[in-house]
């Protein structure tokens, strides 16, 4: 097992060497105000059998989870996804995966056991969607994609404690710290045969910063790398420069200074470059998502003179909600201008306009929209509003007459072309397989806007109330029993009316005797 812990401080935050103490077998950190990333890599033989039996059927498996809480993503860990659980999967062999001894599909069975038994996951063929491949050169795009809004990783913590920790109390504590993480990534590919799990904390759980002791593993063979880093101004637009201190616990006697730069596909914008999402009431069955972008975020990011940039939004819509791809893909300038949209770049998943939610087997749909932005000559003093018309599917009836629908916030970013020849692969903090970055070329750079929810809400998920059929008795003329009886009565009356009309037609068109013609008249005529 290999472990890497990285603390990332803002340049404005104070740091003193006395806050860290490195000994022969541990590193002590005290009151460190910084973001933290921890990455653990397991070899195949360190995994439980139920895990590697599923992984050996996977060519790629990438799991991403983000919290519903708003958090600050610092450079070089600035990439974002919508809140919830995202699964990206490619099988080793095309077709159905081998089922277990009880006839269950192995991947969905494992996902339910690790994350939540209520996941709407039956099999990749039935529950996953197939993402579009707009850039064939971007080899990391997987064959299947799954999503579900998952507020907590409590089941994952329990699974790690039971399958990996045993009676190790420190391991139990480290696993429990996942509950306060802002994002968690799990990666596996059939080339490396290694499972990597990483967590990101934008700040320490307490107000006093990070205070902890990081020791080397008892066996002495596992590697523990520590970094205390901070971002610095880079000389090239596509690069990120970081400097700080590095050490390997159990090998180094002191922290070593370092300074290095690397090309990165993900960059943060100024902290004032924010956006918010609302659904103006009344939402009804045709809600409109409004993305309000701060004026600071409308300025194009720093780029080379020959580069082009465009503003985008990537929507992750559960099955209850969908867009009309025919409406959003229009080239009508009046429609696009009225909503401040430029074009629909990609869509994948469920887009049936008439299907009710209970008939949908796949989880939902993804939408990549290019947004219109004001020209550089226009001065925008207020928020720039993007409106996206959406639609709600018919949902099962309820006693209250309403069903809840949770909608995660989209990811909003600038996408800019990079200089030809720029290699984005040499990056120790690179993060791919996010769903949306695979829809662009491999040299595209992304500049992330910062989600900024209202102080009253605080979460990156919007809650809608969807009007449905009422099951409760004595609730007026719109309860289910009245509608069922009324429907039966209307159909019965209509059927009887049709029979009555058919009877009248039959009576009025009865068989009449034909008059015989006089053959004599015919002979005279001849």
Foldseek 3Di string as FASTA:
>chain_A
DAKEKEWADAPVDDDDVVQWDAAQWKIWGFLDWTKMKMKDKAALVLFDPLVVVVVVQFQKKKKKAFAQFFFQQDPPRHDDFWHFIKIFTATPDPDADDADPVRARSPVVVCCQQANVPDLCRGQVQAWWAFDFQDPVLPPHGGTMATDRGNFRPSNLVCCCVGPPPPPPVSNVVSVCQRQFRMKMWIDHPVRNMIMIMTIHRFDPDPRGDTDMGGDDPVPPYKYKYYYKYWDDDPAPQKTKMWGWIDIRNPDRDTDTDIDMAGAQEAADPQQFEKEWDFDPPQEFKTKIKIWTFQSVLDDDDADPPKDKFKKWKFDFFAQKAAQQVLQQDPPPVSCVVQQFDHWLTKMDDNDPADASVVRSYTHMMTMTTGHGDDPVDDDNGIDMGIGIMGGGADDAEQVQWDKGKTFAIWIKMKMAHDPPRDNPPDPNYDDPSSPVSNDYPRIHIYGHRYDYDPVPSTRMDMHIYGHQHCHPPPPCRHPVNVVVVVVVVVVVVVVVVVVVVVVVPVVPDDDDDDDDDVVVVVVVD
